[in-house]
PDB file of N, CA and C in Angstrom:
ATOM      1  N   MET A   1      92.770  57.896 -40.742  1.00  0.00           N
ATOM      2  CA  MET A   1      94.059  57.281 -40.974  1.00  0.00           C
ATOM      3  C   MET A   1      94.083  55.914 -40.288  1.00  0.00           C
ATOM      4  N   ALA A   2      94.379  54.886 -41.034  1.00  0.00           N
ATOM      5  CA  ALA A   2      94.417  53.522 -40.503  1.00  0.00           C
ATOM      6  C   ALA A   2      95.652  53.346 -39.626  1.00  0.00           C
ATOM      7  N   SER A   3      95.486  52.599 -38.540  1.00  0.00           N
ATOM      8  CA  SER A   3      96.632  52.355 -37.673  1.00  0.00           C
ATOM      9  C   SER A   3      97.508  51.257 -38.268  1.00  0.00           C
ATOM     10  N   GLU A   4      98.794  51.433 -38.117  1.00  0.00           N
ATOM     11  CA  GLU A   4      99.757  50.470 -38.656  1.00  0.00           C
ATOM     12  C   GLU A   4     100.102  49.449 -37.585  1.00  0.00           C
ATOM     13  N   LYS A   5     100.035  48.175 -37.946  1.00  0.00           N
ATOM     14  CA  LYS A   5     100.396  47.120 -36.995  1.00  0.00           C
ATOM     15  C   LYS A   5     101.911  47.058 -36.869  1.00  0.00           C
ATOM     16  N   ARG A   6     102.371  47.019 -35.644  1.00  0.00           N
ATOM     17  CA  ARG A   6     103.795  46.839 -35.398  1.00  0.00           C
ATOM     18  C   ARG A   6     104.054  45.350 -35.273  1.00  0.00           C
ATOM     19  N   THR A   7     105.130  44.908 -35.847  1.00  0.00           N
ATOM     20  CA  THR A   7     105.479  43.494 -35.778  1.00  0.00           C
ATOM     21  C   THR A   7     106.909  43.325 -35.287  1.00  0.00           C
ATOM     22  N   LEU A   8     107.160  42.164 -34.726  1.00  0.00           N
ATOM     23  CA  LEU A   8     108.504  41.749 -34.340  1.00  0.00           C
ATOM     24  C   LEU A   8     108.779  40.408 -34.991  1.00  0.00           C
ATOM     25  N   THR A   9     109.984  40.244 -35.497  1.00  0.00           N
ATOM     26  CA  THR A   9     110.344  38.931 -36.025  1.00  0.00           C
ATOM     27  C   THR A   9     110.700  38.026 -34.850  1.00  0.00           C
ATOM     28  N   ILE A  10     110.655  36.745 -35.091  1.00  0.00           N
ATOM     29  CA  ILE A  10     111.053  35.792 -34.055  1.00  0.00           C
ATOM     30  C   ILE A  10     112.518  36.031 -33.684  1.00  0.00           C
ATOM     31  N   GLN A  11     113.333  36.364 -34.648  1.00  0.00           N
ATOM     32  CA  GLN A  11     114.751  36.638 -34.371  1.00  0.00           C
ATOM     33  C   GLN A  11     114.913  37.809 -33.404  1.00  0.00           C
ATOM     34  N   LYS A  12     114.132  38.875 -33.581  1.00  0.00           N
ATOM     35  CA  LYS A  12     114.206  40.027 -32.674  1.00  0.00           C
ATOM     36  C   LYS A  12     113.722  39.647 -31.279  1.00  0.00           C
ATOM     37  N   ILE A  13     112.693  38.835 -31.212  1.00  0.00           N
ATOM     38  CA  ILE A  13     112.189  38.382 -29.916  1.00  0.00           C
ATOM     39  C   ILE A  13     113.262  37.571 -29.195  1.00  0.00           C
ATOM     40  N   LEU A  14     113.959  36.708 -29.927  1.00  0.00           N
ATOM     41  CA  LEU A  14     115.042  35.914 -29.330  1.00  0.00           C
ATOM     42  C   LEU A  14     116.139  36.814 -28.768  1.00  0.00           C
ATOM     43  N   LYS A  15     116.507  37.853 -29.523  1.00  0.00           N
ATOM     44  CA  LYS A  15     117.548  38.772 -29.060  1.00  0.00           C
ATOM     45  C   LYS A  15     117.104  39.515 -27.801  1.00  0.00           C
ATOM     46  N   LYS A  16     115.851  39.927 -27.764  1.00  0.00           N
ATOM     47  CA  LYS A  16     115.350  40.687 -26.614  1.00  0.00           C
ATOM     48  C   LYS A  16     115.180  39.823 -25.362  1.00  0.00           C
ATOM     49  N   THR A  17     114.817  38.561 -25.550  1.00  0.00           N
ATOM     50  CA  THR A  17     114.537  37.696 -24.399  1.00  0.00           C
ATOM     51  C   THR A  17     115.704  36.797 -24.017  1.00  0.00           C
ATOM     52  N   GLY A  18     116.639  36.602 -24.944  1.00  0.00           N
ATOM     53  CA  GLY A  18     117.730  35.663 -24.689  1.00  0.00           C
ATOM     54  C   GLY A  18     117.246  34.217 -24.714  1.00  0.00           C
ATOM     55  N   GLY A  19     116.082  34.002 -25.309  1.00  0.00           N
ATOM     56  CA  GLY A  19     115.492  32.667 -25.356  1.00  0.00           C
ATOM     57  C   GLY A  19     116.193  31.731 -26.323  1.00  0.00           C
ATOM     58  N   GLN A  20     115.924  30.452 -26.158  1.00  0.00           N
ATOM     59  CA  GLN A  20     116.453  29.410 -27.041  1.00  0.00           C
ATOM     60  C   GLN A  20     115.356  29.000 -28.004  1.00  0.00           C
ATOM     61  N   LEU A  21     115.658  28.981 -29.286  1.00  0.00           N
ATOM     62  CA  LEU A  21     114.674  28.644 -30.303  1.00  0.00           C
ATOM     63  C   LEU A  21     114.586  27.147 -30.522  1.00  0.00           C
ATOM     64  N   ILE A  22     113.371  26.639 -30.500  1.00  0.00           N
ATOM     65  CA  ILE A  22     113.077  25.255 -30.879  1.00  0.00           C
ATOM     66  C   ILE A  22     112.047  25.350 -32.001  1.00  0.00           C
ATOM     67  N   GLY A  23     112.472  25.100 -33.222  1.00  0.00           N
ATOM     68  CA  GLY A  23     111.543  25.179 -34.348  1.00  0.00           C
ATOM     69  C   GLY A  23     111.962  26.226 -35.365  1.00  0.00           C
ATOM     70  N   GLN A  24     110.980  26.786 -36.054  1.00  0.00           N
ATOM     71  CA  GLN A  24     111.190  27.716 -37.165  1.00  0.00           C
ATOM     72  C   GLN A  24     111.652  29.087 -36.692  1.00  0.00           C
ATOM     73  N   ALA A  25     112.679  29.610 -37.353  1.00  0.00           N
ATOM     74  CA  ALA A  25     113.195  30.939 -37.005  1.00  0.00           C
ATOM     75  C   ALA A  25     112.478  32.041 -37.771  1.00  0.00           C
ATOM     76  N   SER A  26     111.672  31.674 -38.747  1.00  0.00           N
ATOM     77  CA  SER A  26     110.968  32.685 -39.529  1.00  0.00           C
ATOM     78  C   SER A  26     109.593  32.946 -38.924  1.00  0.00           C
ATOM     79  N   GLY A  27     109.082  34.099 -39.204  1.00  0.00           N
ATOM     80  CA  GLY A  27     107.757  34.458 -38.726  1.00  0.00           C
ATOM     81  C   GLY A  27     107.756  35.825 -38.078  1.00  0.00           C
ATOM     82  N   GLU A  28     106.614  36.479 -38.164  1.00  0.00           N
ATOM     83  CA  GLU A  28     106.443  37.788 -37.554  1.00  0.00           C
ATOM     84  C   GLU A  28     105.287  37.740 -36.581  1.00  0.00           C
ATOM     85  N   ILE A  29     105.463  38.453 -35.486  1.00  0.00           N
ATOM     86  CA  ILE A  29     104.465  38.492 -34.424  1.00  0.00           C
ATOM     87  C   ILE A  29     103.894  39.897 -34.346  1.00  0.00           C
ATOM     88  N   HIS A  30     102.564  40.005 -34.308  1.00  0.00           N
ATOM     89  CA  HIS A  30     101.926  41.316 -34.179  1.00  0.00           C
ATOM     90  C   HIS A  30     101.110  41.458 -32.902  1.00  0.00           C
ATOM     91  N   SER A  31     100.849  40.340 -32.208  1.00  0.00           N
ATOM     92  CA  SER A  31     100.085  40.412 -30.962  1.00  0.00           C
ATOM     93  C   SER A  31     100.209  39.094 -30.195  1.00  0.00           C
ATOM     94  N   ALA A  32      99.572  39.062 -29.036  1.00  0.00           N
ATOM     95  CA  ALA A  32      99.604  37.866 -28.187  1.00  0.00           C
ATOM     96  C   ALA A  32      98.182  37.371 -27.949  1.00  0.00           C
ATOM     97  N   ALA A  33      98.070  36.081 -27.641  1.00  0.00           N
ATOM     98  CA  ALA A  33      96.761  35.483 -27.353  1.00  0.00           C
ATOM     99  C   ALA A  33      96.971  34.210 -26.540  1.00  0.00           C
ATOM    100  N   THR A  34      95.889  33.669 -26.019  1.00  0.00           N
ATOM    101  CA  THR A  34      95.967  32.405 -25.295  1.00  0.00           C
ATOM    102  C   THR A  34      96.301  31.280 -26.266  1.00  0.00           C
ATOM    103  N   LEU A  35      96.798  30.178 -25.743  1.00  0.00           N
ATOM    104  CA  LEU A  35      97.104  29.023 -26.593  1.00  0.00           C
ATOM    105  C   LEU A  35      95.891  28.586 -27.400  1.00  0.00           C
ATOM    106  N   GLU A  36      94.740  28.584 -26.782  1.00  0.00           N
ATOM    107  CA  GLU A  36      93.521  28.114 -27.438  1.00  0.00           C
ATOM    108  C   GLU A  36      93.038  29.045 -28.543  1.00  0.00           C
ATOM    109  N   LYS A  37      93.235  30.341 -28.376  1.00  0.00           N
ATOM    110  CA  LYS A  37      92.675  31.316 -29.319  1.00  0.00           C
ATOM    111  C   LYS A  37      93.683  31.913 -30.291  1.00  0.00           C
ATOM    112  N   ALA A  38      94.968  31.653 -30.093  1.00  0.00           N
ATOM    113  CA  ALA A  38      96.010  32.263 -30.919  1.00  0.00           C
ATOM    114  C   ALA A  38      95.893  31.839 -32.380  1.00  0.00           C
ATOM    115  N   LYS A  39      96.209  32.771 -33.242  1.00  0.00           N
ATOM    116  CA  LYS A  39      96.218  32.562 -34.690  1.00  0.00           C
ATOM    117  C   LYS A  39      97.620  32.862 -35.217  1.00  0.00           C
ATOM    118  N   GLU A  40      97.813  32.640 -36.505  1.00  0.00           N
ATOM    119  CA  GLU A  40      99.087  32.953 -37.134  1.00  0.00           C
ATOM    120  C   GLU A  40      99.396  34.433 -36.910  1.00  0.00           C
ATOM    121  N   GLY A  41     100.655  34.724 -36.574  1.00  0.00           N
ATOM    122  CA  GLY A  41     101.062  36.099 -36.308  1.00  0.00           C
ATOM    123  C   GLY A  41     100.949  36.479 -34.847  1.00  0.00           C
ATOM    124  N   GLN A  42     100.524  35.539 -34.022  1.00  0.00           N
ATOM    125  CA  GLN A  42     100.410  35.799 -32.596  1.00  0.00           C
ATOM    126  C   GLN A  42     101.372  34.896 -31.820  1.00  0.00           C
ATOM    127  N   VAL A  43     101.765  35.382 -30.655  1.00  0.00           N
ATOM    128  CA  VAL A  43     102.605  34.613 -29.744  1.00  0.00           C
ATOM    129  C   VAL A  43     101.762  34.276 -28.523  1.00  0.00           C
ATOM    130  N   SER A  44     102.079  33.160 -27.899  1.00  0.00           N
ATOM    131  CA  SER A  44     101.384  32.755 -26.693  1.00  0.00           C
ATOM    132  C   SER A  44     102.421  32.265 -25.688  1.00  0.00           C
ATOM    133  N   PHE A  45     101.966  31.787 -24.547  1.00  0.00           N
ATOM    134  CA  PHE A  45     102.888  31.266 -23.544  1.00  0.00           C
ATOM    135  C   PHE A  45     102.274  30.057 -22.872  1.00  0.00           C
ATOM    136  N   LEU A  46     103.140  29.215 -22.365  1.00  0.00           N
ATOM    137  CA  LEU A  46     102.729  28.026 -21.613  1.00  0.00           C
ATOM    138  C   LEU A  46     103.420  28.090 -20.265  1.00  0.00           C
ATOM    139  N   ALA A  47     102.678  28.513 -19.244  1.00  0.00           N
ATOM    140  CA  ALA A  47     103.248  28.651 -17.895  1.00  0.00           C
ATOM    141  C   ALA A  47     102.943  27.434 -17.027  1.00  0.00           C
ATOM    142  N   ASN A  48     101.875  26.746 -17.345  1.00  0.00           N
ATOM    143  CA  ASN A  48     101.433  25.600 -16.550  1.00  0.00           C
ATOM    144  C   ASN A  48     101.416  24.375 -17.465  1.00  0.00           C
ATOM    145  N   SER A  49     102.218  23.369 -17.146  1.00  0.00           N
ATOM    146  CA  SER A  49     102.351  22.202 -18.029  1.00  0.00           C
ATOM    147  C   SER A  49     101.035  21.446 -18.234  1.00  0.00           C
ATOM    148  N   SER A  50     100.049  21.668 -17.383  1.00  0.00           N
ATOM    149  CA  SER A  50      98.763  20.982 -17.582  1.00  0.00           C
ATOM    150  C   SER A  50      98.057  21.469 -18.849  1.00  0.00           C
ATOM    151  N   TYR A  51      98.516  22.596 -19.418  1.00  0.00           N
ATOM    152  CA  TYR A  51      97.947  23.101 -20.666  1.00  0.00           C
ATOM    153  C   TYR A  51      98.776  22.696 -21.881  1.00  0.00           C
ATOM    154  N   SER A  52      99.788  21.866 -21.688  1.00  0.00           N
ATOM    155  CA  SER A  52     100.678  21.495 -22.790  1.00  0.00           C
ATOM    156  C   SER A  52      99.952  20.780 -23.918  1.00  0.00           C
ATOM    157  N   ARG A  53      98.802  20.194 -23.629  1.00  0.00           N
ATOM    158  CA  ARG A  53      98.035  19.526 -24.695  1.00  0.00           C
ATOM    159  C   ARG A  53      97.631  20.505 -25.804  1.00  0.00           C
ATOM    160  N   PHE A  54      97.553  21.793 -25.488  1.00  0.00           N
ATOM    161  CA  PHE A  54      97.171  22.794 -26.478  1.00  0.00           C
ATOM    162  C   PHE A  54      98.296  23.125 -27.449  1.00  0.00           C
ATOM    163  N   LEU A  55      99.525  22.677 -27.153  1.00  0.00           N
ATOM    164  CA  LEU A  55     100.620  22.903 -28.090  1.00  0.00           C
ATOM    165  C   LEU A  55     100.376  22.205 -29.419  1.00  0.00           C
ATOM    166  N   LYS A  56      99.642  21.107 -29.399  1.00  0.00           N
ATOM    167  CA  LYS A  56      99.367  20.367 -30.637  1.00  0.00           C
ATOM    168  C   LYS A  56      98.343  21.076 -31.514  1.00  0.00           C
ATOM    169  N   SER A  57      97.449  21.836 -30.908  1.00  0.00           N
ATOM    170  CA  SER A  57      96.368  22.441 -31.686  1.00  0.00           C
ATOM    171  C   SER A  57      96.471  23.958 -31.855  1.00  0.00           C
ATOM    172  N   THR A  58      97.373  24.610 -31.108  1.00  0.00           N
ATOM    173  CA  THR A  58      97.447  26.064 -31.227  1.00  0.00           C
ATOM    174  C   THR A  58      97.897  26.472 -32.620  1.00  0.00           C
ATOM    175  N   GLN A  59      97.414  27.613 -33.059  1.00  0.00           N
ATOM    176  CA  GLN A  59      97.828  28.169 -34.344  1.00  0.00           C
ATOM    177  C   GLN A  59      98.806  29.315 -34.153  1.00  0.00           C
ATOM    178  N   ALA A  60      99.271  29.502 -32.906  1.00  0.00           N
ATOM    179  CA  ALA A  60     100.236  30.566 -32.619  1.00  0.00           C
ATOM    180  C   ALA A  60     101.497  30.375 -33.458  1.00  0.00           C
ATOM    181  N   THR A  61     102.095  31.474 -33.874  1.00  0.00           N
ATOM    182  CA  THR A  61     103.344  31.402 -34.617  1.00  0.00           C
ATOM    183  C   THR A  61     104.468  30.914 -33.728  1.00  0.00           C
ATOM    184  N   ALA A  62     104.434  31.300 -32.447  1.00  0.00           N
ATOM    185  CA  ALA A  62     105.441  30.859 -31.482  1.00  0.00           C
ATOM    186  C   ALA A  62     104.834  30.859 -30.083  1.00  0.00           C
ATOM    187  N   VAL A  63     105.434  30.052 -29.207  1.00  0.00           N
ATOM    188  CA  VAL A  63     104.954  29.941 -27.831  1.00  0.00           C
ATOM    189  C   VAL A  63     106.162  30.023 -26.890  1.00  0.00           C
ATOM    190  N   PHE A  64     106.063  30.901 -25.880  1.00  0.00           N
ATOM    191  CA  PHE A  64     107.067  30.955 -24.826  1.00  0.00           C
ATOM    192  C   PHE A  64     106.837  29.786 -23.879  1.00  0.00           C
ATOM    193  N   VAL A  65     107.900  29.063 -23.562  1.00  0.00           N
ATOM    194  CA  VAL A  65     107.821  27.916 -22.654  1.00  0.00           C
ATOM    195  C   VAL A  65     109.003  27.963 -21.683  1.00  0.00           C
ATOM    196  N   LYS A  66     108.878  27.250 -20.548  1.00  0.00           N
ATOM    197  CA  LYS A  66     109.961  27.166 -19.571  1.00  0.00           C
ATOM    198  C   LYS A  66     110.950  26.063 -19.918  1.00  0.00           C
ATOM    199  N   LYS A  67     110.458  25.056 -20.666  1.00  0.00           N
ATOM    200  CA  LYS A  67     111.289  23.932 -21.085  1.00  0.00           C
ATOM    201  C   LYS A  67     110.784  23.473 -22.445  1.00  0.00           C
ATOM    202  N   GLU A  68     111.606  22.740 -23.157  1.00  0.00           N
ATOM    203  CA  GLU A  68     111.219  22.228 -24.473  1.00  0.00           C
ATOM    204  C   GLU A  68     110.159  21.141 -24.328  1.00  0.00           C
ATOM    205  N   TYR A  69     109.203  21.156 -25.232  1.00  0.00           N
ATOM    206  CA  TYR A  69     108.182  20.117 -25.303  1.00  0.00           C
ATOM    207  C   TYR A  69     108.393  19.349 -26.600  1.00  0.00           C
ATOM    208  N   PRO A  70     109.156  18.236 -26.545  1.00  0.00           N
ATOM    209  CA  PRO A  70     109.420  17.435 -27.743  1.00  0.00           C
ATOM    210  C   PRO A  70     108.115  16.918 -28.350  1.00  0.00           C
ATOM    211  N   GLY A  71     108.124  16.753 -29.643  1.00  0.00           N
ATOM    212  CA  GLY A  71     106.949  16.215 -30.323  1.00  0.00           C
ATOM    213  C   GLY A  71     105.959  17.271 -30.768  1.00  0.00           C
ATOM    214  N   SER A  72     106.193  18.525 -30.395  1.00  0.00           N
ATOM    215  CA  SER A  72     105.309  19.606 -30.817  1.00  0.00           C
ATOM    216  C   SER A  72     105.894  20.255 -32.063  1.00  0.00           C
ATOM    217  N   SER A  73     105.061  20.508 -33.048  1.00  0.00           N
ATOM    218  CA  SER A  73     105.530  21.168 -34.258  1.00  0.00           C
ATOM    219  C   SER A  73     105.467  22.687 -34.121  1.00  0.00           C
ATOM    220  N   THR A  74     104.923  23.179 -33.034  1.00  0.00           N
ATOM    221  CA  THR A  74     104.836  24.622 -32.776  1.00  0.00           C
ATOM    222  C   THR A  74     106.218  25.167 -32.420  1.00  0.00           C
ATOM    223  N   THR A  75     106.565  26.317 -32.980  1.00  0.00           N
ATOM    224  CA  THR A  75     107.822  26.961 -32.631  1.00  0.00           C
ATOM    225  C   THR A  75     107.792  27.355 -31.161  1.00  0.00           C
ATOM    226  N   GLN A  76     108.834  26.966 -30.441  1.00  0.00           N
ATOM    227  CA  GLN A  76     108.923  27.247 -29.009  1.00  0.00           C
ATOM    228  C   GLN A  76     110.111  28.165 -28.746  1.00  0.00           C
ATOM    229  N   ILE A  77     109.901  29.108 -27.823  1.00  0.00           N
ATOM    230  CA  ILE A  77     110.973  29.968 -27.358  1.00  0.00           C
ATOM    231  C   ILE A  77     111.136  29.673 -25.876  1.00  0.00           C
ATOM    232  N   VAL A  78     112.222  28.978 -25.552  1.00  0.00           N
ATOM    233  CA  VAL A  78     112.460  28.562 -24.169  1.00  0.00           C
ATOM    234  C   VAL A  78     113.121  29.720 -23.420  1.00  0.00           C
ATOM    235  N   VAL A  79     112.450  30.158 -22.359  1.00  0.00           N
ATOM    236  CA  VAL A  79     112.956  31.264 -21.537  1.00  0.00           C
ATOM    237  C   VAL A  79     112.904  30.883 -20.062  1.00  0.00           C
ATOM    238  N   ALA A  80     113.782  31.496 -19.282  1.00  0.00           N
ATOM    239  CA  ALA A  80     113.764  31.284 -17.831  1.00  0.00           C
ATOM    240  C   ALA A  80     112.613  32.087 -17.246  1.00  0.00           C
ATOM    241  N   ASP A  81     112.223  31.747 -16.041  1.00  0.00           N
ATOM    242  CA  ASP A  81     111.162  32.499 -15.347  1.00  0.00           C
ATOM    243  C   ASP A  81     111.480  33.966 -15.255  1.00  0.00           C
TER     244      ASP A  81
END
């Protein structure tokens, strides 16, 4: 029996985290990965601003951030620590 992937919509993630959305509200997340390795359907996080350069190249569907990073086309979910 094949295992079924569980997914969360970005909207559900926003409700659970109380985060602020910057970017696209559509999309489903099935797993997490680093900014460098993330693909579509994955979420990542940016905890250290020295890695912000990866926001331009990540393929993550959404990224958790502490503050908004203007100029990035990646969907950001701004959350408090």
